[in-house]
Amino acid sequence: ALCSYNRRCVNTFGSYYCKCQLGYELKYANGHYNCVDVNECVA
């Protein structure tokens, strides 16, 4: 599997997908999606 450093791999039957690491969430900024830190103190 090829997942970027801040994403974790989730296996599926016949394939896989990359999900944000725990403590991060998928956000859209500057023209693309990225995994950004969740501020647990504010949330």
All heavy atoms as atom14 arrays in JSON, in Angstrom:
{
  "sequence": "ALCSYNRRCVNTFGSYYCKCQLGYELKYANGHYNCVDVNECVA",
  "atom14_mask": [
    [1, 1, 1, 1, 1, 0, 0, 0, 0, 0, 0, 0, 0, 0],
    [1, 1, 1, 1, 1, 1, 1, 1, 0, 0, 0, 0, 0, 0],
    [1, 1, 1, 1, 1, 1, 0, 0, 0, 0, 0, 0, 0, 0],
    [1, 1, 1, 1, 1, 1, 0, 0, 0, 0, 0, 0, 0, 0],
    [1, 1, 1, 1, 1, 1, 1, 1, 1, 1, 1, 1, 0, 0],
    [1, 1, 1, 1, 1, 1, 1, 1, 0, 0, 0, 0, 0, 0],
    [1, 1, 1, 1, 1, 1, 1, 1, 1, 1, 1, 0, 0, 0],
    [1, 1, 1, 1, 1, 1, 1, 1, 1, 1, 1, 0, 0, 0],
    [1, 1, 1, 1, 1, 1, 0, 0, 0, 0, 0, 0, 0, 0],
    [1, 1, 1, 1, 1, 1, 1, 0, 0, 0, 0, 0, 0, 0],
    [1, 1, 1, 1, 1, 1, 1, 1, 0, 0, 0, 0, 0, 0],
    [1, 1, 1, 1, 1, 1, 1, 0, 0, 0, 0, 0, 0, 0],
    [1, 1, 1, 1, 1, 1, 1, 1, 1, 1, 1, 0, 0, 0],
    [1, 1, 1, 1, 0, 0, 0, 0, 0, 0, 0, 0, 0, 0],
    [1, 1, 1, 1, 1, 1, 0, 0, 0, 0, 0, 0, 0, 0],
    [1, 1, 1, 1, 1, 1, 1, 1, 1, 1, 1, 1, 0, 0],
    [1, 1, 1, 1, 1, 1, 1, 1, 1, 1, 1, 1, 0, 0],
    [1, 1, 1, 1, 1, 1, 0, 0, 0, 0, 0, 0, 0, 0],
    [1, 1, 1, 1, 1, 1, 1, 1, 1, 0, 0, 0, 0, 0],
    [1, 1, 1, 1, 1, 1, 0, 0, 0, 0, 0, 0, 0, 0],
    [1, 1, 1, 1, 1, 1, 1, 1, 1, 0, 0, 0, 0, 0],
    [1, 1, 1, 1, 1, 1, 1, 1, 0, 0, 0, 0, 0, 0],
    [1, 1, 1, 1, 0, 0, 0, 0, 0, 0, 0, 0, 0, 0],
    [1, 1, 1, 1, 1, 1, 1, 1, 1, 1, 1, 1, 0, 0],
    [1, 1, 1, 1, 1, 1, 1, 1, 1, 0, 0, 0, 0, 0],
    [1, 1, 1, 1, 1, 1, 1, 1, 0, 0, 0, 0, 0, 0],
    [1, 1, 1, 1, 1, 1, 1, 1, 1, 0, 0, 0, 0, 0],
    [1, 1, 1, 1, 1, 1, 1, 1, 1, 1, 1, 1, 0, 0],
    [1, 1, 1, 1, 1, 0, 0, 0, 0, 0, 0, 0, 0, 0],
    [1, 1, 1, 1, 1, 1, 1, 1, 0, 0, 0, 0, 0, 0],
    [1, 1, 1, 1, 0, 0, 0, 0, 0, 0, 0, 0, 0, 0],
    [1, 1, 1, 1, 1, 1, 1, 1, 1, 1, 0, 0, 0, 0],
    [1, 1, 1, 1, 1, 1, 1, 1, 1, 1, 1, 1, 0, 0],
    [1, 1, 1, 1, 1, 1, 1, 1, 0, 0, 0, 0, 0, 0],
    [1, 1, 1, 1, 1, 1, 0, 0, 0, 0, 0, 0, 0, 0],
    [1, 1, 1, 1, 1, 1, 1, 0, 0, 0, 0, 0, 0, 0],
    [1, 1, 1, 1, 1, 1, 1, 1, 0, 0, 0, 0, 0, 0],
    [1, 1, 1, 1, 1, 1, 1, 0, 0, 0, 0, 0, 0, 0],
    [1, 1, 1, 1, 1, 1, 1, 1, 0, 0, 0, 0, 0, 0],
    [1, 1, 1, 1, 1, 1, 1, 1, 1, 0, 0, 0, 0, 0],
    [1, 1, 1, 1, 1, 1, 0, 0, 0, 0, 0, 0, 0, 0],
    [1, 1, 1, 1, 1, 1, 1, 0, 0, 0, 0, 0, 0, 0],
    [1, 1, 1, 1, 1, 0, 0, 0, 0, 0, 0, 0, 0, 0]
  ],
  "atom14_positions": [
    [[0.83, -1.21, 0.0], [0.0, 0.0, 0.0], [0.86, 1.25, 0.0], [1.92, 1.28, 0.61], [-0.9, 0.0, 1.23], [0.0, 0.0, 0.0], [0.0, 0.0, 0.0], [0.0, 0.0, 0.0], [0.0, 0.0, 0.0], [0.0, 0.0, 0.0], [0.0, 0.0, 0.0], [0.0, 0.0, 0.0], [0.0, 0.0, 0.0], [0.0, 0.0, 0.0]],
    [[0.39, 2.29, -0.7], [1.09, 3.56, -0.74], [0.21, 4.63, -0.09], [-0.7, 5.16, -0.71], [1.41, 3.96, -2.19], [2.38, 3.04, -2.94], [2.4, 3.37, -4.42], [3.79, 3.15, -2.37], [0.0, 0.0, 0.0], [0.0, 0.0, 0.0], [0.0, 0.0, 0.0], [0.0, 0.0, 0.0], [0.0, 0.0, 0.0], [0.0, 0.0, 0.0]],
    [[0.47, 4.89, 1.19], [-0.26, 5.94, 1.92], [0.76, 6.95, 2.41], [1.84, 6.58, 2.86], [-1.01, 5.36, 3.12], [-2.42, 4.31, 2.66], [0.0, 0.0, 0.0], [0.0, 0.0, 0.0], [0.0, 0.0, 0.0], [0.0, 0.0, 0.0], [0.0, 0.0, 0.0], [0.0, 0.0, 0.0], [0.0, 0.0, 0.0], [0.0, 0.0, 0.0]],
    [[0.4, 8.26, 2.35], [1.33, 9.29, 2.82], [1.51, 9.19, 4.34], [0.71, 8.55, 5.02], [0.84, 10.69, 2.41], [-0.48, 10.9, 2.89], [0.0, 0.0, 0.0], [0.0, 0.0, 0.0], [0.0, 0.0, 0.0], [0.0, 0.0, 0.0], [0.0, 0.0, 0.0], [0.0, 0.0, 0.0], [0.0, 0.0, 0.0], [0.0, 0.0, 0.0]],
    [[2.54, 9.85, 4.86], [2.96, 9.68, 6.27], [1.84, 9.94, 7.28], [1.79, 9.32, 8.32], [4.17, 10.57, 6.58], [3.82, 12.03, 6.73], [3.65, 12.61, 7.99], [3.63, 12.85, 5.61], [3.31, 13.94, 8.13], [3.29, 14.18, 5.74], [3.13, 14.74, 7.01], [2.79, 16.04, 7.16], [0.0, 0.0, 0.0], [0.0, 0.0, 0.0]],
    [[0.92, 10.87, 6.97], [-0.13, 11.19, 7.96], [-1.44, 10.44, 7.71], [-2.47, 10.8, 8.22], [-0.38, 12.7, 8.01], [-0.8, 13.28, 6.66], [-0.8, 12.57, 5.65], [-1.16, 14.54, 6.63], [0.0, 0.0, 0.0], [0.0, 0.0, 0.0], [0.0, 0.0, 0.0], [0.0, 0.0, 0.0], [0.0, 0.0, 0.0], [0.0, 0.0, 0.0]],
    [[-1.35, 9.36, 6.9], [-2.54, 8.54, 6.64], [-2.26, 7.09, 6.99], [-1.14, 6.64, 6.88], [-2.96, 8.65, 5.18], [-3.41, 10.06, 4.84], [-3.96, 10.15, 3.45], [-4.22, 11.54, 3.13], [-5.21, 11.93, 2.35], [-6.0, 11.06, 1.82], [-5.4, 13.19, 2.1], [0.0, 0.0, 0.0], [0.0, 0.0, 0.0], [0.0, 0.0, 0.0]],
    [[-3.31, 6.37, 7.39], [-3.15, 4.95, 7.72], [-3.9, 4.13, 6.69], [-4.89, 4.57, 6.11], [-3.62, 4.65, 9.14], [-5.06, 4.97, 9.43], [-5.35, 4.97, 10.93], [-6.6, 5.65, 11.2], [-7.71, 5.05, 11.56], [-7.74, 3.74, 11.73], [-8.81, 5.73, 11.79], [0.0, 0.0, 0.0], [0.0, 0.0, 0.0], [0.0, 0.0, 0.0]],
    [[-3.42, 2.93, 6.49], [-3.97, 2.03, 5.46], [-5.11, 1.22, 6.04], [-5.03, 0.71, 7.16], [-2.84, 1.12, 5.0], [-3.34, -0.1, 3.78], [0.0, 0.0, 0.0], [0.0, 0.0, 0.0], [0.0, 0.0, 0.0], [0.0, 0.0, 0.0], [0.0, 0.0, 0.0], [0.0, 0.0, 0.0], [0.0, 0.0, 0.0], [0.0, 0.0, 0.0]],
    [[-6.21, 1.1, 5.27], [-7.36, 0.27, 5.66], [-7.56, -0.75, 4.54], [-7.79, -0.38, 3.39], [-8.63, 1.12, 5.86], [-9.82, 0.23, 6.25], [-8.41, 2.21, 6.91], [0.0, 0.0, 0.0], [0.0, 0.0, 0.0], [0.0, 0.0, 0.0], [0.0, 0.0, 0.0], [0.0, 0.0, 0.0], [0.0, 0.0, 0.0], [0.0, 0.0, 0.0]],
    [[-7.43, -2.04, 4.87], [-7.57, -3.09, 3.87], [-9.04, -3.35, 3.55], [-9.88, -3.31, 4.43], [-6.91, -4.38, 4.37], [-6.91, -5.46, 3.31], [-6.43, -5.26, 2.2], [-7.46, -6.62, 3.66], [0.0, 0.0, 0.0], [0.0, 0.0, 0.0], [0.0, 0.0, 0.0], [0.0, 0.0, 0.0], [0.0, 0.0, 0.0], [0.0, 0.0, 0.0]],
    [[-9.35, -3.59, 2.27], [-10.69, -3.99, 1.85], [-10.54, -5.23, 0.97], [-9.43, -5.54, 0.55], [-11.39, -2.87, 1.03], [-10.62, -2.63, -0.15], [-11.56, -1.6, 1.81], [0.0, 0.0, 0.0], [0.0, 0.0, 0.0], [0.0, 0.0, 0.0], [0.0, 0.0, 0.0], [0.0, 0.0, 0.0], [0.0, 0.0, 0.0], [0.0, 0.0, 0.0]],
    [[-11.62, -5.94, 0.67], [-11.53, -7.14, -0.15], [-11.12, -6.74, -1.57], [-11.83, -6.01, -2.25], [-12.85, -7.91, -0.17], [-12.77, -9.2, -0.93], [-12.14, -10.3, -0.37], [-13.29, -9.32, -2.21], [-12.03, -11.5, -1.07], [-13.2, -10.51, -2.92], [-12.57, -11.61, -2.33], [0.0, 0.0, 0.0], [0.0, 0.0, 0.0], [0.0, 0.0, 0.0]],
    [[-9.94, -7.18, -1.98], [-9.45, -6.9, -3.33], [-8.77, -5.56, -3.5], [-8.32, -5.22, -4.58], [0.0, 0.0, 0.0], [0.0, 0.0, 0.0], [0.0, 0.0, 0.0], [0.0, 0.0, 0.0], [0.0, 0.0, 0.0], [0.0, 0.0, 0.0], [0.0, 0.0, 0.0], [0.0, 0.0, 0.0], [0.0, 0.0, 0.0], [0.0, 0.0, 0.0]],
    [[-8.7, -4.76, -2.42], [-8.09, -3.44, -2.54], [-7.76, -2.88, -1.15], [-7.69, -3.62, -0.18], [-9.05, -2.51, -3.29], [-8.39, -1.31, -3.64], [0.0, 0.0, 0.0], [0.0, 0.0, 0.0], [0.0, 0.0, 0.0], [0.0, 0.0, 0.0], [0.0, 0.0, 0.0], [0.0, 0.0, 0.0], [0.0, 0.0, 0.0], [0.0, 0.0, 0.0]],
    [[-7.57, -1.55, -1.07], [-7.31, -0.85, 0.19], [-7.59, 0.64, -0.03], [-7.72, 1.09, -1.17], [-5.86, -1.05, 0.66], [-4.84, -0.29, -0.17], [-4.37, 0.96, 0.22], [-4.34, -0.82, -1.36], [-3.44, 1.66, -0.55], [-3.42, -0.13, -2.13], [-2.96, 1.11, -1.72], [-2.06, 1.81, -2.49], [0.0, 0.0, 0.0], [0.0, 0.0, 0.0]],
    [[-7.69, 1.4, 1.06], [-7.75, 2.86, 0.93], [-6.99, 3.5, 2.09], [-6.67, 2.84, 3.07], [-9.2, 3.38, 0.84], [-10.05, 3.18, 2.08], [-10.2, 4.2, 3.02], [-10.74, 1.99, 2.3], [-11.0, 4.03, 4.15], [-11.53, 1.81, 3.41], [-11.66, 2.84, 4.33], [-12.44, 2.68, 5.44], [0.0, 0.0, 0.0], [0.0, 0.0, 0.0]],
    [[-6.65, 4.77, 1.94], [-5.87, 5.49, 2.94], [-6.79, 6.42, 3.73], [-7.57, 7.16, 3.15], [-4.77, 6.3, 2.27], [-3.62, 5.29, 1.32], [0.0, 0.0, 0.0], [0.0, 0.0, 0.0], [0.0, 0.0, 0.0], [0.0, 0.0, 0.0], [0.0, 0.0, 0.0], [0.0, 0.0, 0.0], [0.0, 0.0, 0.0], [0.0, 0.0, 0.0]],
    [[-6.68, 6.36, 5.04], [-7.53, 7.14, 5.94], [-6.63, 8.0, 6.83], [-5.49, 7.62, 7.11], [-8.32, 6.15, 6.8], [-9.48, 6.75, 7.57], [-10.23, 5.64, 8.3], [-11.39, 6.22, 9.09], [-12.16, 5.19, 9.78], [0.0, 0.0, 0.0], [0.0, 0.0, 0.0], [0.0, 0.0, 0.0], [0.0, 0.0, 0.0], [0.0, 0.0, 0.0]],
    [[-7.13, 9.15, 7.27], [-6.33, 10.01, 8.15], [-5.98, 9.28, 9.45], [-6.81, 8.51, 9.97], [-7.09, 11.29, 8.51], [-7.25, 12.43, 7.13], [0.0, 0.0, 0.0], [0.0, 0.0, 0.0], [0.0, 0.0, 0.0], [0.0, 0.0, 0.0], [0.0, 0.0, 0.0], [0.0, 0.0, 0.0], [0.0, 0.0, 0.0], [0.0, 0.0, 0.0]],
    [[-4.77, 9.5, 9.96], [-4.36, 8.92, 11.24], [-5.29, 9.43, 12.33], [-5.9, 10.48, 12.19], [-2.92, 9.36, 11.59], [-1.86, 8.86, 10.64], [-1.44, 7.43, 10.91], [-2.11, 6.68, 11.61], [-0.34, 7.03, 10.33], [0.0, 0.0, 0.0], [0.0, 0.0, 0.0], [0.0, 0.0, 0.0], [0.0, 0.0, 0.0], [0.0, 0.0, 0.0]],
    [[-5.4, 8.69, 13.44], [-6.2, 9.13, 14.58], [-5.66, 10.47, 15.07], [-4.45, 10.66, 15.13], [-6.16, 8.09, 15.71], [-6.83, 6.74, 15.39], [-6.51, 5.72, 16.46], [-8.33, 6.89, 15.24], [0.0, 0.0, 0.0], [0.0, 0.0, 0.0], [0.0, 0.0, 0.0], [0.0, 0.0, 0.0], [0.0, 0.0, 0.0], [0.0, 0.0, 0.0]],
    [[-6.55, 11.38, 15.39], [-6.13, 12.72, 15.82], [-6.04, 13.7, 14.67], [-5.71, 14.88, 14.86], [0.0, 0.0, 0.0], [0.0, 0.0, 0.0], [0.0, 0.0, 0.0], [0.0, 0.0, 0.0], [0.0, 0.0, 0.0], [0.0, 0.0, 0.0], [0.0, 0.0, 0.0], [0.0, 0.0, 0.0], [0.0, 0.0, 0.0], [0.0, 0.0, 0.0]],
    [[-6.31, 13.23, 13.43], [-6.31, 14.09, 12.23], [-7.64, 13.93, 11.52], [-8.31, 12.91, 11.64], [-5.18, 13.68, 11.27], [-3.8, 13.96, 11.82], [-3.16, 13.03, 12.65], [-3.12, 15.13, 11.52], [-1.89, 13.27, 13.16], [-1.85, 15.38, 12.01], [-1.24, 14.45, 12.84], [0.0, 14.7, 13.33], [0.0, 0.0, 0.0], [0.0, 0.0, 0.0]],
    [[-8.05, 14.96, 10.76], [-9.28, 14.87, 9.97], [-9.04, 15.42, 8.57], [-8.16, 16.26, 8.37], [-10.43, 15.62, 10.67], [-10.22, 17.11, 10.82], [-11.33, 17.81, 11.6], [-12.41, 17.22, 11.77], [-11.1, 18.95, 12.03], [0.0, 0.0, 0.0], [0.0, 0.0, 0.0], [0.0, 0.0, 0.0], [0.0, 0.0, 0.0], [0.0, 0.0, 0.0]],
    [[-9.84, 14.95, 7.61], [-9.69, 15.36, 6.22], [-10.32, 16.73, 6.02], [-11.48, 16.94, 6.31], [-10.36, 14.33, 5.3], [-9.96, 14.34, 3.83], [-8.49, 14.0, 3.67], [-10.8, 13.36, 3.04], [0.0, 0.0, 0.0], [0.0, 0.0, 0.0], [0.0, 0.0, 0.0], [0.0, 0.0, 0.0], [0.0, 0.0, 0.0], [0.0, 0.0, 0.0]],
    [[-9.5, 17.7, 5.54], [-9.98, 19.07, 5.3], [-9.55, 19.5, 3.91], [-8.5, 19.09, 3.42], [-9.35, 20.02, 6.33], [-10.01, 19.99, 7.7], [-10.93, 21.19, 7.91], [-11.69, 21.13, 9.21], [-10.96, 21.66, 10.33], [0.0, 0.0, 0.0], [0.0, 0.0, 0.0], [0.0, 0.0, 0.0], [0.0, 0.0, 0.0], [0.0, 0.0, 0.0]],
    [[-10.37, 20.36, 3.29], [-10.06, 20.89, 1.96], [-9.47, 22.3, 2.12], [-10.09, 23.17, 2.7], [-11.32, 20.93, 1.09], [-11.04, 21.42, -0.31], [-10.5, 20.57, -1.27], [-11.3, 22.74, -0.68], [-10.24, 21.01, -2.55], [-11.04, 23.19, -1.96], [-10.51, 22.33, -2.89], [-10.23, 22.76, -4.15], [0.0, 0.0, 0.0], [0.0, 0.0, 0.0]],
    [[-8.25, 22.5, 1.61], [-7.6, 23.82, 1.68], [-6.61, 23.96, 0.54], [-5.98, 22.98, 0.13], [-6.9, 24.0, 3.03], [0.0, 0.0, 0.0], [0.0, 0.0, 0.0], [0.0, 0.0, 0.0], [0.0, 0.0, 0.0], [0.0, 0.0, 0.0], [0.0, 0.0, 0.0], [0.0, 0.0, 0.0], [0.0, 0.0, 0.0], [0.0, 0.0, 0.0]],
    [[-6.46, 25.16, 0.02], [-5.51, 25.48, -1.06], [-5.62, 24.53, -2.26], [-4.62, 24.09, -2.8], [-4.07, 25.51, -0.53], [-3.9, 26.47, 0.62], [-4.57, 27.5, 0.69], [-3.01, 26.14, 1.55], [0.0, 0.0, 0.0], [0.0, 0.0, 0.0], [0.0, 0.0, 0.0], [0.0, 0.0, 0.0], [0.0, 0.0, 0.0], [0.0, 0.0, 0.0]],
    [[-6.84, 24.19, -2.62], [-7.04, 23.4, -3.84], [-6.92, 21.9, -3.7], [-7.03, 21.18, -4.69], [0.0, 0.0, 0.0], [0.0, 0.0, 0.0], [0.0, 0.0, 0.0], [0.0, 0.0, 0.0], [0.0, 0.0, 0.0], [0.0, 0.0, 0.0], [0.0, 0.0, 0.0], [0.0, 0.0, 0.0], [0.0, 0.0, 0.0], [0.0, 0.0, 0.0]],
    [[-6.64, 21.37, -2.5], [-6.6, 19.91, -2.35], [-6.93, 19.47, -0.92], [-6.93, 20.27, 0.0], [-5.25, 19.34, -2.81], [-4.08, 19.87, -2.06], [-3.45, 21.04, -2.4], [-3.42, 19.38, -0.98], [-2.45, 21.26, -1.56], [-2.41, 20.28, -0.69], [0.0, 0.0, 0.0], [0.0, 0.0, 0.0], [0.0, 0.0, 0.0], [0.0, 0.0, 0.0]],
    [[-7.21, 18.16, -0.77], [-7.57, 17.59, 0.52], [-6.3, 17.19, 1.28], [-5.34, 16.73, 0.68], [-8.45, 16.35, 0.34], [-9.88, 16.69, 0.0], [-10.27, 16.92, -1.31], [-10.83, 16.79, 1.01], [-11.59, 17.24, -1.61], [-12.15, 17.1, 0.71], [-12.52, 17.33, -0.59], [-13.82, 17.64, -0.88], [0.0, 0.0, 0.0], [0.0, 0.0, 0.0]],
    [[-6.32, 17.42, 2.58], [-5.19, 17.07, 3.42], [-5.67, 16.61, 4.79], [-6.74, 17.0, 5.24], [-4.28, 18.29, 3.61], [-2.88, 18.0, 3.11], [-2.42, 16.86, 3.19], [-2.21, 19.0, 2.61], [0.0, 0.0, 0.0], [0.0, 0.0, 0.0], [0.0, 0.0, 0.0], [0.0, 0.0, 0.0], [0.0, 0.0, 0.0], [0.0, 0.0, 0.0]],
    [[-4.84, 15.8, 5.46], [-5.15, 15.4, 6.83], [-4.55, 16.45, 7.77], [-3.34, 16.65, 7.77], [-4.56, 14.03, 7.13], [-5.37, 12.7, 6.21], [0.0, 0.0, 0.0], [0.0, 0.0, 0.0], [0.0, 0.0, 0.0], [0.0, 0.0, 0.0], [0.0, 0.0, 0.0], [0.0, 0.0, 0.0], [0.0, 0.0, 0.0], [0.0, 0.0, 0.0]],
    [[-5.41, 17.14, 8.51], [-4.93, 18.19, 9.42], [-5.23, 17.79, 10.86], [-6.18, 17.06, 11.14], [-5.54, 19.58, 9.1], [-5.08, 20.08, 7.74], [-7.06, 19.55, 9.17], [0.0, 0.0, 0.0], [0.0, 0.0, 0.0], [0.0, 0.0, 0.0], [0.0, 0.0, 0.0], [0.0, 0.0, 0.0], [0.0, 0.0, 0.0], [0.0, 0.0, 0.0]],
    [[-4.42, 18.31, 11.76], [-4.54, 18.0, 13.18], [-5.88, 18.46, 13.74], [-6.34, 19.55, 13.42], [-3.39, 18.7, 13.93], [-3.52, 18.57, 15.44], [-3.61, 17.42, 15.92], [-3.54, 19.61, 16.13], [0.0, 0.0, 0.0], [0.0, 0.0, 0.0], [0.0, 0.0, 0.0], [0.0, 0.0, 0.0], [0.0, 0.0, 0.0], [0.0, 0.0, 0.0]],
    [[-6.51, 17.61, 14.55], [-7.75, 17.98, 15.25], [-7.34, 18.64, 16.56], [-6.57, 18.06, 17.34], [-8.62, 16.73, 15.55], [-9.83, 17.09, 16.4], [-9.06, 16.05, 14.26], [0.0, 0.0, 0.0], [0.0, 0.0, 0.0], [0.0, 0.0, 0.0], [0.0, 0.0, 0.0], [0.0, 0.0, 0.0], [0.0, 0.0, 0.0], [0.0, 0.0, 0.0]],
    [[-7.82, 19.87, 16.81], [-7.52, 20.54, 18.08], [-8.56, 20.09, 19.11], [-9.66, 20.63, 19.18], [-7.54, 22.06, 17.89], [-7.04, 22.8, 19.13], [-7.14, 22.31, 20.25], [-6.5, 23.98, 18.92], [0.0, 0.0, 0.0], [0.0, 0.0, 0.0], [0.0, 0.0, 0.0], [0.0, 0.0, 0.0], [0.0, 0.0, 0.0], [0.0, 0.0, 0.0]],
    [[-8.19, 19.07, 19.9], [-9.11, 18.48, 20.88], [-9.51, 19.5, 21.96], [-10.59, 19.4, 22.53], [-8.49, 17.25, 21.54], [-8.29, 16.06, 20.63], [-6.98, 16.08, 19.86], [-6.22, 17.07, 19.97], [-6.73, 15.11, 19.13], [0.0, 0.0, 0.0], [0.0, 0.0, 0.0], [0.0, 0.0, 0.0], [0.0, 0.0, 0.0], [0.0, 0.0, 0.0]],
    [[-8.62, 20.48, 22.22], [-8.88, 21.48, 23.27], [-10.01, 22.41, 22.83], [-10.9, 22.74, 23.62], [-7.62, 22.29, 23.56], [-6.23, 21.24, 24.08], [0.0, 0.0, 0.0], [0.0, 0.0, 0.0], [0.0, 0.0, 0.0], [0.0, 0.0, 0.0], [0.0, 0.0, 0.0], [0.0, 0.0, 0.0], [0.0, 0.0, 0.0], [0.0, 0.0, 0.0]],
    [[-10.0, 22.82, 21.55], [-11.05, 23.71, 21.01], [-12.33, 22.92, 20.78], [-13.43, 23.37, 21.08], [-10.56, 24.39, 19.7], [-11.69, 25.16, 19.04], [-9.38, 25.31, 19.98], [0.0, 0.0, 0.0], [0.0, 0.0, 0.0], [0.0, 0.0, 0.0], [0.0, 0.0, 0.0], [0.0, 0.0, 0.0], [0.0, 0.0, 0.0], [0.0, 0.0, 0.0]],
    [[-12.19, 21.68, 20.23], [-13.35, 20.84, 19.95], [-14.0, 20.3, 21.22], [-15.09, 19.74, 21.19], [-12.94, 19.68, 19.04], [0.0, 0.0, 0.0], [0.0, 0.0, 0.0], [0.0, 0.0, 0.0], [0.0, 0.0, 0.0], [0.0, 0.0, 0.0], [0.0, 0.0, 0.0], [0.0, 0.0, 0.0], [0.0, 0.0, 0.0], [0.0, 0.0, 0.0]]
  ]
}
